[in-house]
Amino acid sequence: MLFVMVLFHLSPGKDFKHFWRYGLTKEHRDGLRELPSHSRFVSLKPRLFLSWR
């Protein structure tokens, strides 16, 4: 998941859903076969960030 987020921030696109559908090229998709669906990925994204509590 972290790799996908880094790719998104390095891409010229501003919209994550558009990047998810069209920005992840076939070469990246082949290596990321076990990615969850877009909605599940979005719900899991907060786990990637550190909590300062």
N, C-alpha and C. Protein backbone atom coordinates (compact mmCIF):
# COMPACT_ATOMS: atom_id res chain seq x y z
N MET A 1 0.82 -1.18 0.00
CA MET A 1 0.00 0.00 0.00
C MET A 1 0.87 1.26 0.00
N LEU A 2 1.95 1.19 0.72
CA LEU A 2 2.84 2.35 0.77
C LEU A 2 3.43 2.64 -0.60
N PHE A 3 3.76 1.60 -1.35
CA PHE A 3 4.30 1.77 -2.71
C PHE A 3 3.28 2.48 -3.61
N VAL A 4 2.02 2.12 -3.50
CA VAL A 4 0.97 2.76 -4.30
C VAL A 4 0.85 4.23 -3.92
N MET A 5 0.93 4.55 -2.63
CA MET A 5 0.83 5.94 -2.21
C MET A 5 2.02 6.77 -2.70
N VAL A 6 3.20 6.18 -2.69
CA VAL A 6 4.38 6.89 -3.22
C VAL A 6 4.22 7.12 -4.72
N LEU A 7 3.76 6.10 -5.44
CA LEU A 7 3.52 6.28 -6.88
C LEU A 7 2.50 7.38 -7.14
N PHE A 8 1.45 7.42 -6.33
CA PHE A 8 0.41 8.45 -6.50
C PHE A 8 1.01 9.85 -6.30
N HIS A 9 1.82 10.01 -5.28
CA HIS A 9 2.38 11.34 -5.00
C HIS A 9 3.45 11.74 -6.01
N LEU A 10 4.03 10.77 -6.68
CA LEU A 10 5.00 11.08 -7.73
C LEU A 10 4.33 11.30 -9.08
N SER A 11 3.07 10.90 -9.20
CA SER A 11 2.36 11.05 -10.47
C SER A 11 1.86 12.48 -10.63
N PRO A 12 1.61 12.89 -11.86
CA PRO A 12 1.11 14.26 -12.08
C PRO A 12 -0.36 14.43 -11.73
N GLY A 13 -1.08 13.34 -11.51
CA GLY A 13 -2.50 13.42 -11.22
C GLY A 13 -2.79 13.92 -9.83
N LYS A 14 -3.96 14.51 -9.66
CA LYS A 14 -4.36 15.05 -8.36
C LYS A 14 -5.47 14.23 -7.70
N ASP A 15 -6.11 13.38 -8.46
CA ASP A 15 -7.26 12.63 -7.98
C ASP A 15 -6.88 11.16 -7.80
N PHE A 16 -7.03 10.64 -6.57
CA PHE A 16 -6.58 9.28 -6.29
C PHE A 16 -7.41 8.25 -7.04
N LYS A 17 -8.72 8.48 -7.18
CA LYS A 17 -9.55 7.50 -7.87
C LYS A 17 -9.15 7.39 -9.35
N HIS A 18 -8.88 8.51 -9.97
CA HIS A 18 -8.43 8.50 -11.37
C HIS A 18 -7.08 7.79 -11.47
N PHE A 19 -6.19 8.07 -10.53
CA PHE A 19 -4.89 7.39 -10.52
C PHE A 19 -5.08 5.89 -10.34
N TRP A 20 -6.00 5.48 -9.47
CA TRP A 20 -6.25 4.06 -9.21
C TRP A 20 -6.71 3.36 -10.49
N ARG A 21 -7.58 4.02 -11.23
CA ARG A 21 -8.13 3.40 -12.45
C ARG A 21 -7.18 3.45 -13.63
N TYR A 22 -6.50 4.58 -13.80
CA TYR A 22 -5.72 4.78 -15.03
C TYR A 22 -4.23 4.99 -14.79
N GLY A 23 -3.82 5.32 -13.59
CA GLY A 23 -2.42 5.64 -13.32
C GLY A 23 -1.57 4.43 -13.02
N LEU A 24 -2.19 3.42 -12.47
CA LEU A 24 -1.43 2.20 -12.20
C LEU A 24 -1.34 1.42 -13.51
N THR A 25 -0.19 1.49 -14.13
CA THR A 25 -0.02 0.85 -15.43
C THR A 25 0.04 -0.67 -15.27
N LYS A 26 0.01 -1.36 -16.36
CA LYS A 26 0.00 -2.82 -16.34
C LYS A 26 1.23 -3.37 -15.63
N GLU A 27 2.37 -2.74 -15.81
CA GLU A 27 3.58 -3.25 -15.15
C GLU A 27 3.47 -3.17 -13.64
N HIS A 28 2.80 -2.15 -13.13
CA HIS A 28 2.61 -2.04 -11.68
C HIS A 28 1.51 -2.98 -11.21
N ARG A 29 0.47 -3.13 -12.00
CA ARG A 29 -0.64 -4.02 -11.62
C ARG A 29 -0.18 -5.47 -11.52
N ASP A 30 0.73 -5.88 -12.40
CA ASP A 30 1.22 -7.26 -12.35
C ASP A 30 1.92 -7.56 -11.03
N GLY A 31 2.63 -6.59 -10.50
CA GLY A 31 3.32 -6.78 -9.24
C GLY A 31 2.44 -6.58 -8.02
N LEU A 32 1.27 -6.02 -8.22
CA LEU A 32 0.38 -5.69 -7.11
C LEU A 32 -0.95 -6.43 -7.24
N ARG A 33 -0.90 -7.68 -7.55
CA ARG A 33 -2.11 -8.46 -7.81
C ARG A 33 -3.04 -8.57 -6.61
N GLU A 34 -2.51 -8.53 -5.41
CA GLU A 34 -3.34 -8.75 -4.23
C GLU A 34 -3.81 -7.45 -3.59
N LEU A 35 -3.88 -6.39 -4.37
CA LEU A 35 -4.40 -5.13 -3.85
C LEU A 35 -5.90 -5.24 -3.62
N PRO A 36 -6.40 -4.62 -2.56
CA PRO A 36 -7.84 -4.60 -2.35
C PRO A 36 -8.53 -3.68 -3.35
N SER A 37 -9.83 -3.65 -3.34
CA SER A 37 -10.57 -2.75 -4.22
C SER A 37 -10.28 -1.30 -3.81
N HIS A 38 -10.66 -0.35 -4.67
CA HIS A 38 -10.41 1.06 -4.39
C HIS A 38 -11.06 1.49 -3.08
N SER A 39 -12.31 1.13 -2.86
CA SER A 39 -12.99 1.57 -1.64
C SER A 39 -12.34 0.97 -0.39
N ARG A 40 -11.91 -0.27 -0.47
CA ARG A 40 -11.24 -0.89 0.67
C ARG A 40 -9.87 -0.25 0.90
N PHE A 41 -9.18 0.07 -0.17
CA PHE A 41 -7.88 0.72 -0.06
C PHE A 41 -8.03 2.08 0.62
N VAL A 42 -9.04 2.83 0.23
CA VAL A 42 -9.28 4.15 0.84
C VAL A 42 -9.60 4.01 2.32
N SER A 43 -10.35 2.98 2.68
CA SER A 43 -10.68 2.79 4.10
C SER A 43 -9.46 2.35 4.91
N LEU A 44 -8.48 1.72 4.27
CA LEU A 44 -7.26 1.28 4.96
C LEU A 44 -6.16 2.34 4.98
N LYS A 45 -6.29 3.39 4.18
CA LYS A 45 -5.23 4.41 4.09
C LYS A 45 -4.86 5.04 5.42
N PRO A 46 -5.77 5.33 6.33
CA PRO A 46 -5.37 5.94 7.60
C PRO A 46 -4.38 5.09 8.40
N ARG A 47 -4.35 3.81 8.18
CA ARG A 47 -3.39 2.94 8.88
C ARG A 47 -1.95 3.20 8.45
N LEU A 48 -1.76 3.84 7.30
CA LEU A 48 -0.41 4.09 6.81
C LEU A 48 0.25 5.25 7.54
N PHE A 49 -0.53 6.11 8.15
CA PHE A 49 0.01 7.31 8.77
C PHE A 49 0.22 7.10 10.26
N LEU A 50 1.24 7.73 10.79
CA LEU A 50 1.54 7.62 12.21
C LEU A 50 0.54 8.38 13.04
N SER A 51 0.23 7.84 14.17
CA SER A 51 -0.66 8.51 15.11
C SER A 51 0.22 9.14 16.21
N TRP A 52 0.01 10.41 16.47
CA TRP A 52 0.82 11.12 17.46
C TRP A 52 0.12 11.23 18.81
N ARG A 53 -0.73 10.33 19.13
CA ARG A 53 -1.48 10.40 20.40
C ARG A 53 -0.67 9.94 21.55
